[in-house]
Amino acid sequence: QAQLAESGGGLVQPGGSLRLSCDTSRITFTITAVAWHRIVAGRERELVARLPTGGSADYADSVKGRFTISRDAGKNLVFLEMNSLKPEDTAFYCGAARSPWGFDSWGQGTRVTVSS
């Protein structure tokens, strides 16, 4: 059973924007970092953005300057703001939360399609 719940995916035209949300309210451990990954059939899972608790965000080179990860811990939400979307951003996007012992909890993901 997925511990995280993502939402906000959909169809968007190239150059458009989307904001993904990830609900972490079912997580029972102290979250040390949150992240967004994306999956494309036939390719390895790609780490898109990672935000350590109390630290600075890191991004994949392919999304730097276009995507922003943020977290509202009080509302148990993690966001991925995606701007200037390209067709190659089309993927299944999954949120992840890391425990103090290095275990990642995942959601079921949300699909993003960038197409005209």
PDB file of N, CA and C in Angstrom:
ATOM      1  N   GLN A   1       0.852  -1.188   0.000  1.00  0.00           N
ATOM      2  CA  GLN A   1       0.000   0.000   0.000  1.00  0.00           C
ATOM      3  C   GLN A   1       0.889   1.240   0.000  1.00  0.00           C
ATOM      4  N   ALA A   2       0.630   2.149  -0.968  1.00  0.00           N
ATOM      5  CA  ALA A   2       1.438   3.340  -1.092  1.00  0.00           C
ATOM      6  C   ALA A   2       1.248   4.219   0.137  1.00  0.00           C
ATOM      7  N   GLN A   3       2.357   4.781   0.616  1.00  0.00           N
ATOM      8  CA  GLN A   3       2.324   5.658   1.776  1.00  0.00           C
ATOM      9  C   GLN A   3       2.168   7.116   1.397  1.00  0.00           C
ATOM     10  N   LEU A   4       2.494   7.442   0.154  1.00  0.00           N
ATOM     11  CA  LEU A   4       2.368   8.805  -0.321  1.00  0.00           C
ATOM     12  C   LEU A   4       1.291   8.853  -1.408  1.00  0.00           C
ATOM     13  N   ALA A   5       0.704  10.042  -1.601  1.00  0.00           N
ATOM     14  CA  ALA A   5      -0.332  10.197  -2.609  1.00  0.00           C
ATOM     15  C   ALA A   5      -0.039  11.428  -3.458  1.00  0.00           C
ATOM     16  N   GLU A   6       0.257  11.184  -4.733  1.00  0.00           N
ATOM     17  CA  GLU A   6       0.568  12.280  -5.641  1.00  0.00           C
ATOM     18  C   GLU A   6      -0.683  12.720  -6.399  1.00  0.00           C
ATOM     19  N   SER A   7      -0.670  13.972  -6.826  1.00  0.00           N
ATOM     20  CA  SER A   7      -1.752  14.502  -7.652  1.00  0.00           C
ATOM     21  C   SER A   7      -1.209  15.664  -8.475  1.00  0.00           C
ATOM     22  N   GLY A   8      -2.006  16.103  -9.439  1.00  0.00           N
ATOM     23  CA  GLY A   8      -1.644  17.275 -10.218  1.00  0.00           C
ATOM     24  C   GLY A   8      -1.157  17.006 -11.622  1.00  0.00           C
ATOM     25  N   GLY A   9      -0.997  15.746 -11.979  1.00  0.00           N
ATOM     26  CA  GLY A   9      -0.551  15.439 -13.329  1.00  0.00           C
ATOM     27  C   GLY A   9      -1.647  15.694 -14.355  1.00  0.00           C
ATOM     28  N   GLY A  10      -1.260  15.603 -15.622  1.00  0.00           N
ATOM     29  CA  GLY A  10      -2.234  15.803 -16.678  1.00  0.00           C
ATOM     30  C   GLY A  10      -1.559  16.088 -18.005  1.00  0.00           C
ATOM     31  N   LEU A  11      -2.350  16.575 -18.938  1.00  0.00           N
ATOM     32  CA  LEU A  11      -1.871  16.906 -20.278  1.00  0.00           C
ATOM     33  C   LEU A  11      -1.624  18.416 -20.356  1.00  0.00           C
ATOM     34  N   VAL A  12      -0.452  18.786 -20.830  1.00  0.00           N
ATOM     35  CA  VAL A  12      -0.104  20.194 -20.965  1.00  0.00           C
ATOM     36  C   VAL A  12       0.660  20.403 -22.259  1.00  0.00           C
ATOM     37  N   GLN A  13       0.515  21.565 -22.847  1.00  0.00           N
ATOM     38  CA  GLN A  13       1.216  21.866 -24.085  1.00  0.00           C
ATOM     39  C   GLN A  13       2.673  22.220 -23.802  1.00  0.00           C
ATOM     40  N   PRO A  14       3.545  22.019 -24.766  1.00  0.00           N
ATOM     41  CA  PRO A  14       4.945  22.439 -24.580  1.00  0.00           C
ATOM     42  C   PRO A  14       5.019  23.915 -24.201  1.00  0.00           C
ATOM     43  N   GLY A  15       5.889  24.206 -23.251  1.00  0.00           N
ATOM     44  CA  GLY A  15       6.003  25.564 -22.744  1.00  0.00           C
ATOM     45  C   GLY A  15       5.096  25.864 -21.571  1.00  0.00           C
ATOM     46  N   GLY A  16       4.188  24.962 -21.281  1.00  0.00           N
ATOM     47  CA  GLY A  16       3.240  25.155 -20.198  1.00  0.00           C
ATOM     48  C   GLY A  16       3.808  24.785 -18.839  1.00  0.00           C
ATOM     49  N   SER A  17       2.933  24.867 -17.839  1.00  0.00           N
ATOM     50  CA  SER A  17       3.339  24.608 -16.457  1.00  0.00           C
ATOM     51  C   SER A  17       2.357  23.667 -15.771  1.00  0.00           C
ATOM     52  N   LEU A  18       2.876  22.964 -14.781  1.00  0.00           N
ATOM     53  CA  LEU A  18       2.054  22.129 -13.915  1.00  0.00           C
ATOM     54  C   LEU A  18       2.661  22.168 -12.522  1.00  0.00           C
ATOM     55  N   ARG A  19       1.822  21.987 -11.520  1.00  0.00           N
ATOM     56  CA  ARG A  19       2.317  21.823 -10.159  1.00  0.00           C
ATOM     57  C   ARG A  19       1.826  20.493  -9.613  1.00  0.00           C
ATOM     58  N   LEU A  20       2.775  19.638  -9.288  1.00  0.00           N
ATOM     59  CA  LEU A  20       2.461  18.353  -8.687  1.00  0.00           C
ATOM     60  C   LEU A  20       2.480  18.471  -7.162  1.00  0.00           C
ATOM     61  N   SER A  21       1.614  17.717  -6.532  1.00  0.00           N
ATOM     62  CA  SER A  21       1.569  17.677  -5.065  1.00  0.00           C
ATOM     63  C   SER A  21       1.728  16.253  -4.578  1.00  0.00           C
ATOM     64  N   CYS A  22       2.307  16.106  -3.422  1.00  0.00           N
ATOM     65  CA  CYS A  22       2.482  14.793  -2.811  1.00  0.00           C
ATOM     66  C   CYS A  22       2.116  14.895  -1.340  1.00  0.00           C
ATOM     67  N   ASP A  23       1.114  14.127  -0.961  1.00  0.00           N
ATOM     68  CA  ASP A  23       0.632  14.118   0.423  1.00  0.00           C
ATOM     69  C   ASP A  23       1.430  13.088   1.212  1.00  0.00           C
ATOM     70  N   THR A  24       2.108  13.531   2.261  1.00  0.00           N
ATOM     71  CA  THR A  24       2.929  12.627   3.083  1.00  0.00           C
ATOM     72  C   THR A  24       2.298  12.368   4.446  1.00  0.00           C
ATOM     73  N   SER A  25       1.013  12.657   4.605  1.00  0.00           N
ATOM     74  CA  SER A  25       0.383  12.577   5.929  1.00  0.00           C
ATOM     75  C   SER A  25       0.344  11.173   6.506  1.00  0.00           C
ATOM     76  N   ARG A  26       0.503  10.150   5.659  1.00  0.00           N
ATOM     77  CA  ARG A  26       0.468   8.776   6.170  1.00  0.00           C
ATOM     78  C   ARG A  26       1.836   8.299   6.651  1.00  0.00           C
ATOM     79  N   ILE A  27       2.853   9.111   6.463  1.00  0.00           N
ATOM     80  CA  ILE A  27       4.198   8.738   6.905  1.00  0.00           C
ATOM     81  C   ILE A  27       4.292   8.855   8.422  1.00  0.00           C
ATOM     82  N   THR A  28       4.839   7.830   9.059  1.00  0.00           N
ATOM     83  CA  THR A  28       4.909   7.815  10.522  1.00  0.00           C
ATOM     84  C   THR A  28       6.321   8.065  11.043  1.00  0.00           C
ATOM     85  N   PHE A  29       7.321   8.070  10.145  1.00  0.00           N
ATOM     86  CA  PHE A  29       8.685   8.310  10.607  1.00  0.00           C
ATOM     87  C   PHE A  29       9.080   9.764  10.349  1.00  0.00           C
ATOM     88  N   THR A  30      10.186  10.189  10.933  1.00  0.00           N
ATOM     89  CA  THR A  30      10.723  11.520  10.680  1.00  0.00           C
ATOM     90  C   THR A  30      11.343  11.542   9.288  1.00  0.00           C
ATOM     91  N   ILE A  31      10.850  12.413   8.452  1.00  0.00           N
ATOM     92  CA  ILE A  31      11.325  12.491   7.075  1.00  0.00           C
ATOM     93  C   ILE A  31      12.643  13.260   7.025  1.00  0.00           C
ATOM     94  N   THR A  32      13.667  12.643   6.471  1.00  0.00           N
ATOM     95  CA  THR A  32      14.972  13.296   6.371  1.00  0.00           C
ATOM     96  C   THR A  32      15.185  13.953   5.015  1.00  0.00           C
ATOM     97  N   ALA A  33      14.420  13.527   4.028  1.00  0.00           N
ATOM     98  CA  ALA A  33      14.499  14.140   2.702  1.00  0.00           C
ATOM     99  C   ALA A  33      13.273  13.736   1.903  1.00  0.00           C
ATOM    100  N   VAL A  34      12.880  14.584   0.991  1.00  0.00           N
ATOM    101  CA  VAL A  34      11.807  14.262   0.057  1.00  0.00           C
ATOM    102  C   VAL A  34      12.361  14.414  -1.359  1.00  0.00           C
ATOM    103  N   ALA A  35      11.729  13.739  -2.288  1.00  0.00           N
ATOM    104  CA  ALA A  35      12.235  13.763  -3.657  1.00  0.00           C
ATOM    105  C   ALA A  35      11.111  13.479  -4.647  1.00  0.00           C
ATOM    106  N   TRP A  36      11.357  13.867  -5.875  1.00  0.00           N
ATOM    107  CA  TRP A  36      10.498  13.496  -6.993  1.00  0.00           C
ATOM    108  C   TRP A  36      11.349  12.712  -8.000  1.00  0.00           C
ATOM    109  N   HIS A  37      10.822  11.605  -8.457  1.00  0.00           N
ATOM    110  CA  HIS A  37      11.446  10.806  -9.499  1.00  0.00           C
ATOM    111  C   HIS A  37      10.481  10.734 -10.673  1.00  0.00           C
ATOM    112  N   ARG A  38      11.020  10.403 -11.856  1.00  0.00           N
ATOM    113  CA  ARG A  38      10.142  10.150 -12.986  1.00  0.00           C
ATOM    114  C   ARG A  38      10.556   8.889 -13.705  1.00  0.00           C
ATOM    115  N   ILE A  39       9.554   8.273 -14.270  1.00  0.00           N
ATOM    116  CA  ILE A  39       9.749   6.973 -14.914  1.00  0.00           C
ATOM    117  C   ILE A  39       9.182   7.034 -16.318  1.00  0.00           C
ATOM    118  N   VAL A  40       9.986   6.590 -17.272  1.00  0.00           N
ATOM    119  CA  VAL A  40       9.565   6.454 -18.653  1.00  0.00           C
ATOM    120  C   VAL A  40       9.779   4.999 -19.036  1.00  0.00           C
ATOM    121  N   ALA A  41       8.806   4.406 -19.674  1.00  0.00           N
ATOM    122  CA  ALA A  41       8.910   2.993 -20.050  1.00  0.00           C
ATOM    123  C   ALA A  41      10.176   2.747 -20.852  1.00  0.00           C
ATOM    124  N   GLY A  42      10.923   1.719 -20.461  1.00  0.00           N
ATOM    125  CA  GLY A  42      12.129   1.365 -21.173  1.00  0.00           C
ATOM    126  C   GLY A  42      13.370   2.118 -20.747  1.00  0.00           C
ATOM    127  N   ARG A  43      13.205   3.002 -19.781  1.00  0.00           N
ATOM    128  CA  ARG A  43      14.354   3.775 -19.296  1.00  0.00           C
ATOM    129  C   ARG A  43      14.468   3.647 -17.791  1.00  0.00           C
ATOM    130  N   GLU A  44      15.655   3.942 -17.284  1.00  0.00           N
ATOM    131  CA  GLU A  44      15.858   3.890 -15.839  1.00  0.00           C
ATOM    132  C   GLU A  44      15.120   5.044 -15.167  1.00  0.00           C
ATOM    133  N   ARG A  45      14.695   4.779 -13.928  1.00  0.00           N
ATOM    134  CA  ARG A  45      14.075   5.833 -13.140  1.00  0.00           C
ATOM    135  C   ARG A  45      15.052   6.990 -12.953  1.00  0.00           C
ATOM    136  N   GLU A  46      14.567   8.201 -13.090  1.00  0.00           N
ATOM    137  CA  GLU A  46      15.415   9.384 -12.984  1.00  0.00           C
ATOM    138  C   GLU A  46      15.034  10.193 -11.753  1.00  0.00           C
ATOM    139  N   LEU A  47      16.025  10.529 -10.947  1.00  0.00           N
ATOM    140  CA  LEU A  47      15.816  11.434  -9.824  1.00  0.00           C
ATOM    141  C   LEU A  47      15.726  12.847 -10.383  1.00  0.00           C
ATOM    142  N   VAL A  48      14.581  13.476 -10.232  1.00  0.00           N
ATOM    143  CA  VAL A  48      14.347  14.798 -10.799  1.00  0.00           C
ATOM    144  C   VAL A  48      14.778  15.892  -9.833  1.00  0.00           C
ATOM    145  N   ALA A  49      14.371  15.751  -8.581  1.00  0.00           N
ATOM    146  CA  ALA A  49      14.657  16.782  -7.579  1.00  0.00           C
ATOM    147  C   ALA A  49      14.651  16.149  -6.204  1.00  0.00           C
ATOM    148  N   ARG A  50      15.506  16.676  -5.329  1.00  0.00           N
ATOM    149  CA  ARG A  50      15.613  16.153  -3.970  1.00  0.00           C
ATOM    150  C   ARG A  50      15.797  17.316  -3.019  1.00  0.00           C
ATOM    151  N   LEU A  51      15.094  17.241  -1.897  1.00  0.00           N
ATOM    152  CA  LEU A  51      15.176  18.308  -0.904  1.00  0.00           C
ATOM    153  C   LEU A  51      15.389  17.698   0.475  1.00  0.00           C
ATOM    154  N   PRO A  52      16.618  17.770   1.002  1.00  0.00           N
ATOM    155  CA  PRO A  52      16.857  17.281   2.362  1.00  0.00           C
ATOM    156  C   PRO A  52      16.164  18.194   3.369  1.00  0.00           C
ATOM    157  N   THR A  53      15.683  17.628   4.470  1.00  0.00           N
ATOM    158  CA  THR A  53      15.074  18.444   5.513  1.00  0.00           C
ATOM    159  C   THR A  53      16.102  19.413   6.075  1.00  0.00           C
ATOM    160  N   GLY A  54      15.808  20.693   5.992  1.00  0.00           N
ATOM    161  CA  GLY A  54      16.735  21.700   6.470  1.00  0.00           C
ATOM    162  C   GLY A  54      17.888  21.982   5.541  1.00  0.00           C
ATOM    163  N   GLY A  55      17.848  21.410   4.338  1.00  0.00           N
ATOM    164  CA  GLY A  55      18.944  21.587   3.394  1.00  0.00           C
ATOM    165  C   GLY A  55      18.506  22.254   2.106  1.00  0.00           C
ATOM    166  N   SER A  56      19.389  22.219   1.129  1.00  0.00           N
ATOM    167  CA  SER A  56      19.123  22.844  -0.169  1.00  0.00           C
ATOM    168  C   SER A  56      18.747  21.796  -1.199  1.00  0.00           C
ATOM    169  N   ALA A  57      17.962  22.215  -2.167  1.00  0.00           N
ATOM    170  CA  ALA A  57      17.488  21.299  -3.191  1.00  0.00           C
ATOM    171  C   ALA A  57      18.561  20.999  -4.230  1.00  0.00           C
ATOM    172  N   ASP A  58      18.488  19.795  -4.762  1.00  0.00           N
ATOM    173  CA  ASP A  58      19.321  19.390  -5.894  1.00  0.00           C
ATOM    174  C   ASP A  58      18.397  18.981  -7.028  1.00  0.00           C
ATOM    175  N   TYR A  59      18.855  19.227  -8.253  1.00  0.00           N
ATOM    176  CA  TYR A  59      18.031  18.935  -9.419  1.00  0.00           C
ATOM    177  C   TYR A  59      18.835  18.187 -10.475  1.00  0.00           C
ATOM    178  N   ALA A  60      18.136  17.391 -11.252  1.00  0.00           N
ATOM    179  CA  ALA A  60      18.752  16.794 -12.424  1.00  0.00           C
ATOM    180  C   ALA A  60      19.088  17.912 -13.409  1.00  0.00           C
ATOM    181  N   ASP A  61      20.171  17.743 -14.131  1.00  0.00           N
ATOM    182  CA  ASP A  61      20.580  18.776 -15.096  1.00  0.00           C
ATOM    183  C   ASP A  61      19.462  19.073 -16.096  1.00  0.00           C
ATOM    184  N   SER A  62      18.685  18.062 -16.427  1.00  0.00           N
ATOM    185  CA  SER A  62      17.652  18.205 -17.446  1.00  0.00           C
ATOM    186  C   SER A  62      16.504  19.118 -17.014  1.00  0.00           C
ATOM    187  N   VAL A  63      16.388  19.396 -15.704  1.00  0.00           N
ATOM    188  CA  VAL A  63      15.260  20.218 -15.232  1.00  0.00           C
ATOM    189  C   VAL A  63      15.713  21.476 -14.500  1.00  0.00           C
ATOM    190  N   LYS A  64      17.006  21.661 -14.330  1.00  0.00           N
ATOM    191  CA  LYS A  64      17.504  22.839 -13.615  1.00  0.00           C
ATOM    192  C   LYS A  64      17.007  24.123 -14.261  1.00  0.00           C
ATOM    193  N   GLY A  65      16.539  25.034 -13.423  1.00  0.00           N
ATOM    194  CA  GLY A  65      16.041  26.306 -13.914  1.00  0.00           C
ATOM    195  C   GLY A  65      14.593  26.269 -14.355  1.00  0.00           C
ATOM    196  N   ARG A  66      14.025  25.053 -14.436  1.00  0.00           N
ATOM    197  CA  ARG A  66      12.631  24.930 -14.876  1.00  0.00           C
ATOM    198  C   ARG A  66      11.728  24.347 -13.778  1.00  0.00           C
ATOM    199  N   PHE A  67      12.283  23.451 -12.975  1.00  0.00           N
ATOM    200  CA  PHE A  67      11.510  22.779 -11.921  1.00  0.00           C
ATOM    201  C   PHE A  67      11.950  23.285 -10.557  1.00  0.00           C
ATOM    202  N   THR A  68      11.000  23.319  -9.629  1.00  0.00           N
ATOM    203  CA  THR A  68      11.302  23.707  -8.248  1.00  0.00           C
ATOM    204  C   THR A  68      10.592  22.763  -7.288  1.00  0.00           C
ATOM    205  N   ILE A  69      11.358  22.172  -6.376  1.00  0.00           N
ATOM    206  CA  ILE A  69      10.780  21.315  -5.345  1.00  0.00           C
ATOM    207  C   ILE A  69      10.643  22.135  -4.062  1.00  0.00           C
ATOM    208  N   SER A  70       9.535  21.927  -3.376  1.00  0.00           N
ATOM    209  CA  SER A  70       9.325  22.607  -2.105  1.00  0.00           C
ATOM    210  C   SER A  70       8.502  21.703  -1.193  1.00  0.00           C
ATOM    211  N   ARG A  71       8.482  22.073   0.068  1.00  0.00           N
ATOM    212  CA  ARG A  71       7.773  21.247   1.045  1.00  0.00           C
ATOM    213  C   ARG A  71       7.097  22.138   2.076  1.00  0.00           C
ATOM    214  N   ASP A  72       5.855  21.816   2.385  1.00  0.00           N
ATOM    215  CA  ASP A  72       5.128  22.439   3.486  1.00  0.00           C
ATOM    216  C   ASP A  72       4.937  21.344   4.539  1.00  0.00           C
ATOM    217  N   ALA A  73       5.900  21.256   5.454  1.00  0.00           N
ATOM    218  CA  ALA A  73       5.868  20.173   6.433  1.00  0.00           C
ATOM    219  C   ALA A  73       4.637  20.250   7.326  1.00  0.00           C
ATOM    220  N   GLY A  74       4.179  21.458   7.615  1.00  0.00           N
ATOM    221  CA  GLY A  74       3.020  21.619   8.473  1.00  0.00           C
ATOM    222  C   GLY A  74       1.751  21.040   7.875  1.00  0.00           C
ATOM    223  N   LYS A  75       1.689  21.071   6.543  1.00  0.00           N
ATOM    224  CA  LYS A  75       0.527  20.522   5.841  1.00  0.00           C
ATOM    225  C   LYS A  75       0.816  19.148   5.237  1.00  0.00           C
ATOM    226  N   ASN A  76       2.014  18.601   5.537  1.00  0.00           N
ATOM    227  CA  ASN A  76       2.389  17.282   5.024  1.00  0.00           C
ATOM    228  C   ASN A  76       2.311  17.216   3.495  1.00  0.00           C
ATOM    229  N   LEU A  77       2.805  18.248   2.848  1.00  0.00           N
ATOM    230  CA  LEU A  77       2.754  18.295   1.390  1.00  0.00           C
ATOM    231  C   LEU A  77       4.138  18.592   0.814  1.00  0.00           C
ATOM    232  N   VAL A  78       4.408  17.976  -0.317  1.00  0.00           N
ATOM    233  CA  VAL A  78       5.611  18.232  -1.102  1.00  0.00           C
ATOM    234  C   VAL A  78       5.149  18.627  -2.501  1.00  0.00           C
ATOM    235  N   PHE A  79       5.778  19.631  -3.071  1.00  0.00           N
ATOM    236  CA  PHE A  79       5.356  20.136  -4.371  1.00  0.00           C
ATOM    237  C   PHE A  79       6.496  20.033  -5.389  1.00  0.00           C
ATOM    238  N   LEU A  80       6.112  19.934  -6.644  1.00  0.00           N
ATOM    239  CA  LEU A  80       7.059  20.059  -7.740  1.00  0.00           C
ATOM    240  C   LEU A  80       6.438  21.027  -8.738  1.00  0.00           C
ATOM    241  N   GLU A  81       6.977  22.226  -8.785  1.00  0.00           N
ATOM    242  CA  GLU A  81       6.531  23.230  -9.734  1.00  0.00           C
ATOM    243  C   GLU A  81       7.317  23.033 -11.018  1.00  0.00           C
ATOM    244  N   MET A  82       6.614  22.801 -12.118  1.00  0.00           N
ATOM    245  CA  MET A  82       7.266  22.507 -13.386  1.00  0.00           C
ATOM    246  C   MET A  82       6.884  23.575 -14.404  1.00  0.00           C
ATOM    247  N   ASN A  83       7.861  24.287 -14.906  1.00  0.00           N
ATOM    248  CA  ASN A  83       7.641  25.342 -15.891  1.00  0.00           C
ATOM    249  C   ASN A  83       8.393  25.022 -17.185  1.00  0.00           C
ATOM    250  N   SER A  84       8.024  25.726 -18.241  1.00  0.00           N
ATOM    251  CA  SER A  84       8.676  25.543 -19.551  1.00  0.00           C
ATOM    252  C   SER A  84       8.757  24.067 -19.908  1.00  0.00           C
ATOM    253  N   LEU A  85       7.654  23.386 -19.761  1.00  0.00           N
ATOM    254  CA  LEU A  85       7.648  21.937 -19.976  1.00  0.00           C
ATOM    255  C   LEU A  85       7.946  21.583 -21.424  1.00  0.00           C
ATOM    256  N   LYS A  86       8.658  20.470 -21.584  1.00  0.00           N
ATOM    257  CA  LYS A  86       9.057  19.977 -22.898  1.00  0.00           C
ATOM    258  C   LYS A  86       8.465  18.587 -23.111  1.00  0.00           C
ATOM    259  N   PRO A  87       8.306  18.166 -24.353  1.00  0.00           N
ATOM    260  CA  PRO A  87       7.795  16.810 -24.602  1.00  0.00           C
ATOM    261  C   PRO A  87       8.623  15.732 -23.892  1.00  0.00           C
ATOM    262  N   GLU A  88       9.920  15.955 -23.755  1.00  0.00           N
ATOM    263  CA  GLU A  88      10.759  14.957 -23.087  1.00  0.00           C
ATOM    264  C   GLU A  88      10.539  14.902 -21.577  1.00  0.00           C
ATOM    265  N   ASP A  89       9.729  15.816 -21.030  1.00  0.00           N
ATOM    266  CA  ASP A  89       9.356  15.735 -19.618  1.00  0.00           C
ATOM    267  C   ASP A  89       8.193  14.774 -19.397  1.00  0.00           C
ATOM    268  N   THR A  90       7.622  14.270 -20.482  1.00  0.00           N
ATOM    269  CA  THR A  90       6.526  13.312 -20.365  1.00  0.00           C
ATOM    270  C   THR A  90       7.000  12.080 -19.617  1.00  0.00           C
ATOM    271  N   ALA A  91       6.307  11.753 -18.527  1.00  0.00           N
ATOM    272  CA  ALA A  91       6.730  10.636 -17.686  1.00  0.00           C
ATOM    273  C   ALA A  91       5.700  10.418 -16.589  1.00  0.00           C
ATOM    274  N   PHE A  92       5.927   9.375 -15.826  1.00  0.00           N
ATOM    275  CA  PHE A  92       5.171   9.097 -14.625  1.00  0.00           C
ATOM    276  C   PHE A  92       5.996   9.650 -13.471  1.00  0.00           C
ATOM    277  N   TYR A  93       5.429  10.569 -12.697  1.00  0.00           N
ATOM    278  CA  TYR A  93       6.177  11.232 -11.627  1.00  0.00           C
ATOM    279  C   TYR A  93       5.761  10.671 -10.274  1.00  0.00           C
ATOM    280  N   CYS A  94       6.764  10.286  -9.481  1.00  0.00           N
ATOM    281  CA  CYS A  94       6.513   9.675  -8.174  1.00  0.00           C
ATOM    282  C   CYS A  94       7.225  10.459  -7.081  1.00  0.00           C
ATOM    283  N   GLY A  95       6.531  10.642  -5.971  1.00  0.00           N
ATOM    284  CA  GLY A  95       7.138  11.252  -4.805  1.00  0.00           C
ATOM    285  C   GLY A  95       7.776  10.198  -3.925  1.00  0.00           C
ATOM    286  N   ALA A  96       8.784  10.606  -3.152  1.00  0.00           N
ATOM    287  CA  ALA A  96       9.452   9.702  -2.222  1.00  0.00           C
ATOM    288  C   ALA A  96       9.813  10.451  -0.953  1.00  0.00           C
ATOM    289  N   ALA A  97       9.752   9.739   0.170  1.00  0.00           N
ATOM    290  CA  ALA A  97      10.135  10.306   1.462  1.00  0.00           C
ATOM    291  C   ALA A  97      11.130   9.362   2.107  1.00  0.00           C
ATOM    292  N   ARG A  98      12.249   9.890   2.571  1.00  0.00           N
ATOM    293  CA  ARG A  98      13.308   9.042   3.131  1.00  0.00           C
ATOM    294  C   ARG A  98      13.251   9.047   4.655  1.00  0.00           C
ATOM    295  N   SER A  99      13.421   7.854   5.207  1.00  0.00           N
ATOM    296  CA  SER A  99      13.423   7.689   6.662  1.00  0.00           C
ATOM    297  C   SER A  99      14.837   7.895   7.201  1.00  0.00           C
ATOM    298  N   PRO A 100      14.987   8.028   8.524  1.00  0.00           N
ATOM    299  CA  PRO A 100      16.330   8.198   9.109  1.00  0.00           C
ATOM    300  C   PRO A 100      17.265   7.012   8.855  1.00  0.00           C
ATOM    301  N   TRP A 101      16.734   5.842   8.579  1.00  0.00           N
ATOM    302  CA  TRP A 101      17.568   4.676   8.309  1.00  0.00           C
ATOM    303  C   TRP A 101      17.728   4.417   6.827  1.00  0.00           C
ATOM    304  N   GLY A 102      17.345   5.363   5.987  1.00  0.00           N
ATOM    305  CA  GLY A 102      17.617   5.275   4.560  1.00  0.00           C
ATOM    306  C   GLY A 102      16.566   4.604   3.723  1.00  0.00           C
ATOM    307  N   PHE A 103      15.445   4.253   4.307  1.00  0.00           N
ATOM    308  CA  PHE A 103      14.365   3.594   3.575  1.00  0.00           C
ATOM    309  C   PHE A 103      13.480   4.656   2.928  1.00  0.00           C
ATOM    310  N   ASP A 104      13.123   4.423   1.665  1.00  0.00           N
ATOM    311  CA  ASP A 104      12.250   5.342   0.944  1.00  0.00           C
ATOM    312  C   ASP A 104      10.827   4.806   0.868  1.00  0.00           C
ATOM    313  N   SER A 105       9.875   5.640   1.222  1.00  0.00           N
ATOM    314  CA  SER A 105       8.471   5.333   0.994  1.00  0.00           C
ATOM    315  C   SER A 105       8.028   6.044  -0.276  1.00  0.00           C
ATOM    316  N   TRP A 106       7.158   5.394  -1.029  1.00  0.00           N
ATOM    317  CA  TRP A 106       6.753   5.896  -2.339  1.00  0.00           C
ATOM    318  C   TRP A 106       5.256   6.050  -2.447  1.00  0.00           C
ATOM    319  N   GLY A 107       4.873   6.824  -3.467  1.00  0.00           N
ATOM    320  CA  GLY A 107       3.480   6.897  -3.841  1.00  0.00           C
ATOM    321  C   GLY A 107       3.258   6.132  -5.129  1.00  0.00           C
ATOM    322  N   GLN A 108       2.033   6.142  -5.600  1.00  0.00           N
ATOM    323  CA  GLN A 108       1.706   5.434  -6.833  1.00  0.00           C
ATOM    324  C   GLN A 108       1.983   6.267  -8.065  1.00  0.00           C
ATOM    325  N   GLY A 109       2.209   7.563  -7.886  1.00  0.00           N
ATOM    326  CA  GLY A 109       2.618   8.413  -8.987  1.00  0.00           C
ATOM    327  C   GLY A 109       1.464   9.097  -9.693  1.00  0.00           C
ATOM    328  N   THR A 110       1.855  10.050 -10.521  1.00  0.00           N
ATOM    329  CA  THR A 110       0.896  10.787 -11.343  1.00  0.00           C
ATOM    330  C   THR A 110       1.507  11.012 -12.719  1.00  0.00           C
ATOM    331  N   ARG A 111       0.693  10.861 -13.745  1.00  0.00           N
ATOM    332  CA  ARG A 111       1.228  10.932 -15.112  1.00  0.00           C
ATOM    333  C   ARG A 111       1.213  12.352 -15.646  1.00  0.00           C
ATOM    334  N   VAL A 112       2.310  12.731 -16.257  1.00  0.00           N
ATOM    335  CA  VAL A 112       2.439  14.035 -16.918  1.00  0.00           C
ATOM    336  C   VAL A 112       2.707  13.795 -18.393  1.00  0.00           C
ATOM    337  N   THR A 113       1.880  14.400 -19.235  1.00  0.00           N
ATOM    338  CA  THR A 113       2.051  14.298 -20.680  1.00  0.00           C
ATOM    339  C   THR A 113       2.193  15.693 -21.261  1.00  0.00           C
ATOM    340  N   VAL A 114       3.305  15.924 -21.945  1.00  0.00           N
ATOM    341  CA  VAL A 114       3.560  17.227 -22.571  1.00  0.00           C
ATOM    342  C   VAL A 114       3.463  17.030 -24.079  1.00  0.00           C
ATOM    343  N   SER A 115       2.419  17.578 -24.660  1.00  0.00           N
ATOM    344  CA  SER A 115       2.168  17.355 -26.085  1.00  0.00           C
ATOM    345  C   SER A 115       1.250  18.440 -26.617  1.00  0.00           C
ATOM    346  N   SER A 116       1.450  18.769 -27.882  1.00  0.00           N
ATOM    347  CA  SER A 116       0.560  19.729 -28.530  1.00  0.00           C
ATOM    348  C   SER A 116      -0.566  19.004 -29.266  1.00  0.00           C
TER     349      SER A 116
END
